[in-house]
Amino acid sequence: MGKKRKVEIKINTDPRPYALWRRCSTQEQGESGLGLAAQLTIAQMFMGKDPVEVFTDVYTGTKLKQCVGLWKAIDFCKEHGYLLVVAKADRCRDLR
């Protein structure tokens, strides 16, 4: 077994409200409690508060252009000056 690393969790101190964008590949994944609900919990834990708005995409694929919720979230955050939080970085692995 390898060395255990201590993981330090820091709560965000940015006072701005935030919107959450979350994505899962299938409806079943989203309803499992390990998909969409888990992403909300992750965001709440790290941000230390609830999002003002949650945008969701259920989409299988790598073309983020097809994620309508993502683009609505980006526009919403630009319009209101909010942070955009993505709970799982792998959701944006194909940004170009």
C-alpha atoms as a PDB file:
ATOM      1  CA  MET A   1       0.000   0.000   0.000  1.00  0.00           C
ATOM      2  CA  GLY A   2       1.110   3.534  -0.763  1.00  0.00           C
ATOM      3  CA  LYS A   3       1.447   6.433   1.586  1.00  0.00           C
ATOM      4  CA  LYS A   4      -1.750   8.025   2.773  1.00  0.00           C
ATOM      5  CA  ARG A   5      -2.025  11.682   1.891  1.00  0.00           C
ATOM      6  CA  LYS A   6      -3.773  14.092   4.155  1.00  0.00           C
ATOM      7  CA  VAL A   7      -6.419  15.986   2.222  1.00  0.00           C
ATOM      8  CA  GLU A   8      -7.203  19.471   3.409  1.00  0.00           C
ATOM      9  CA  ILE A   9     -10.599  20.863   2.501  1.00  0.00           C
ATOM     10  CA  LYS A  10     -10.880  24.618   2.403  1.00  0.00           C
ATOM     11  CA  ILE A  11     -14.201  26.364   2.160  1.00  0.00           C
ATOM     12  CA  ASN A  12     -14.335  29.104  -0.436  1.00  0.00           C
ATOM     13  CA  THR A  13     -14.199  32.589   1.059  1.00  0.00           C
ATOM     14  CA  ASP A  14     -15.443  34.504  -1.986  1.00  0.00           C
ATOM     15  CA  PRO A  15     -18.579  36.307  -0.777  1.00  0.00           C
ATOM     16  CA  ARG A  16     -20.267  36.349  -4.193  1.00  0.00           C
ATOM     17  CA  PRO A  17     -23.288  34.161  -4.793  1.00  0.00           C
ATOM     18  CA  TYR A  18     -22.734  31.277  -7.165  1.00  0.00           C
ATOM     19  CA  ALA A  19     -24.612  29.198  -9.690  1.00  0.00           C
ATOM     20  CA  LEU A  20     -23.911  25.497 -10.073  1.00  0.00           C
ATOM     21  CA  TRP A  21     -23.704  23.647 -13.357  1.00  0.00           C
ATOM     22  CA  ARG A  22     -23.847  19.889 -13.093  1.00  0.00           C
ATOM     23  CA  ARG A  23     -23.951  17.143 -15.693  1.00  0.00           C
ATOM     24  CA  CYS A  24     -24.412  13.420 -15.841  1.00  0.00           C
ATOM     25  CA  SER A  25     -24.489  11.104 -18.812  1.00  0.00           C
ATOM     26  CA  THR A  26     -27.777   9.305 -18.231  1.00  0.00           C
ATOM     27  CA  GLN A  27     -31.037   9.846 -16.376  1.00  0.00           C
ATOM     28  CA  GLU A  28     -30.319   6.716 -14.306  1.00  0.00           C
ATOM     29  CA  GLN A  29     -26.980   8.177 -13.225  1.00  0.00           C
ATOM     30  CA  GLY A  30     -28.672  11.402 -12.267  1.00  0.00           C
ATOM     31  CA  GLU A  31     -31.291   9.656 -10.156  1.00  0.00           C
ATOM     32  CA  SER A  32     -28.836   7.325  -8.423  1.00  0.00           C
ATOM     33  CA  GLY A  33     -27.822   9.841  -5.761  1.00  0.00           C
ATOM     34  CA  LEU A  34     -24.231   9.489  -6.924  1.00  0.00           C
ATOM     35  CA  GLY A  35     -24.609  11.808  -9.887  1.00  0.00           C
ATOM     36  CA  LEU A  36     -26.521  15.052  -9.720  1.00  0.00           C
ATOM     37  CA  ALA A  37     -27.233  15.017  -5.977  1.00  0.00           C
ATOM     38  CA  ALA A  38     -23.582  14.309  -5.226  1.00  0.00           C
ATOM     39  CA  GLN A  39     -22.464  17.242  -7.374  1.00  0.00           C
ATOM     40  CA  LEU A  40     -24.804  19.569  -5.467  1.00  0.00           C
ATOM     41  CA  THR A  41     -23.474  18.283  -2.145  1.00  0.00           C
ATOM     42  CA  ILE A  42     -19.866  18.787  -3.287  1.00  0.00           C
ATOM     43  CA  ALA A  43     -20.586  22.384  -4.303  1.00  0.00           C
ATOM     44  CA  GLN A  44     -22.382  23.154  -1.044  1.00  0.00           C
ATOM     45  CA  MET A  45     -19.525  21.675   0.970  1.00  0.00           C
ATOM     46  CA  PHE A  46     -16.752  23.594  -0.771  1.00  0.00           C
ATOM     47  CA  MET A  47     -18.661  26.848  -1.177  1.00  0.00           C
ATOM     48  CA  GLY A  48     -20.099  26.811   2.339  1.00  0.00           C
ATOM     49  CA  LYS A  49     -23.538  27.851   1.117  1.00  0.00           C
ATOM     50  CA  ASP A  50     -26.291  26.918  -1.321  1.00  0.00           C
ATOM     51  CA  PRO A  51     -26.196  28.019  -4.962  1.00  0.00           C
ATOM     52  CA  VAL A  52     -28.636  30.708  -6.053  1.00  0.00           C
ATOM     53  CA  GLU A  53     -29.405  28.689  -9.168  1.00  0.00           C
ATOM     54  CA  VAL A  54     -28.672  25.140 -10.368  1.00  0.00           C
ATOM     55  CA  PHE A  55     -28.331  24.328 -14.059  1.00  0.00           C
ATOM     56  CA  THR A  56     -28.381  20.705 -15.154  1.00  0.00           C
ATOM     57  CA  ASP A  57     -27.595  18.773 -18.310  1.00  0.00           C
ATOM     58  CA  VAL A  58     -28.182  15.073 -18.857  1.00  0.00           C
ATOM     59  CA  TYR A  59     -25.983  14.467 -21.863  1.00  0.00           C
ATOM     60  CA  THR A  60     -23.770  11.657 -23.092  1.00  0.00           C
ATOM     61  CA  GLY A  61     -20.952  12.946 -25.225  1.00  0.00           C
ATOM     62  CA  THR A  62     -17.963  15.205 -25.255  1.00  0.00           C
ATOM     63  CA  LYS A  63     -19.298  18.235 -27.115  1.00  0.00           C
ATOM     64  CA  LEU A  64     -20.038  20.815 -24.457  1.00  0.00           C
ATOM     65  CA  LYS A  65     -21.658  22.895 -27.212  1.00  0.00           C
ATOM     66  CA  GLN A  66     -24.613  20.531 -26.817  1.00  0.00           C
ATOM     67  CA  CYS A  67     -24.994  21.271 -23.079  1.00  0.00           C
ATOM     68  CA  VAL A  68     -27.739  23.892 -23.124  1.00  0.00           C
ATOM     69  CA  GLY A  69     -27.729  24.188 -19.328  1.00  0.00           C
ATOM     70  CA  LEU A  70     -24.035  25.086 -19.324  1.00  0.00           C
ATOM     71  CA  TRP A  71     -24.540  27.993 -21.693  1.00  0.00           C
ATOM     72  CA  LYS A  72     -27.560  29.210 -19.720  1.00  0.00           C
ATOM     73  CA  ALA A  73     -25.423  29.044 -16.558  1.00  0.00           C
ATOM     74  CA  ILE A  74     -22.614  31.038 -18.191  1.00  0.00           C
ATOM     75  CA  ASP A  75     -25.031  33.719 -19.400  1.00  0.00           C
ATOM     76  CA  PHE A  76     -26.756  33.841 -15.993  1.00  0.00           C
ATOM     77  CA  CYS A  77     -23.448  34.306 -14.154  1.00  0.00           C
ATOM     78  CA  LYS A  78     -22.241  36.979 -16.569  1.00  0.00           C
ATOM     79  CA  GLU A  79     -25.505  38.868 -16.253  1.00  0.00           C
ATOM     80  CA  HIS A  80     -25.522  38.840 -12.443  1.00  0.00           C
ATOM     81  CA  GLY A  81     -21.780  38.852 -11.669  1.00  0.00           C
ATOM     82  CA  TYR A  82     -22.004  35.459  -9.955  1.00  0.00           C
ATOM     83  CA  LEU A  83     -19.416  32.718  -9.767  1.00  0.00           C
ATOM     84  CA  LEU A  84     -19.979  29.621 -11.882  1.00  0.00           C
ATOM     85  CA  VAL A  85     -19.146  26.440 -10.004  1.00  0.00           C
ATOM     86  CA  VAL A  86     -18.634  23.036 -11.594  1.00  0.00           C
ATOM     87  CA  ALA A  87     -18.457  20.401  -8.857  1.00  0.00           C
ATOM     88  CA  LYS A  88     -16.611  17.807 -10.918  1.00  0.00           C
ATOM     89  CA  ALA A  89     -13.794  19.012 -13.146  1.00  0.00           C
ATOM     90  CA  ASP A  90     -14.145  15.999 -15.442  1.00  0.00           C
ATOM     91  CA  ARG A  91     -17.448  17.490 -16.620  1.00  0.00           C
ATOM     92  CA  CYS A  92     -15.361  20.070 -18.532  1.00  0.00           C
ATOM     93  CA  ARG A  93     -12.542  17.872 -19.731  1.00  0.00           C
ATOM     94  CA  ASP A  94     -13.059  18.841 -23.366  1.00  0.00           C
ATOM     95  CA  LEU A  95     -13.038  22.647 -23.151  1.00  0.00           C
ATOM     96  CA  ARG A  96     -11.427  24.352 -26.106  1.00  0.00           C
END
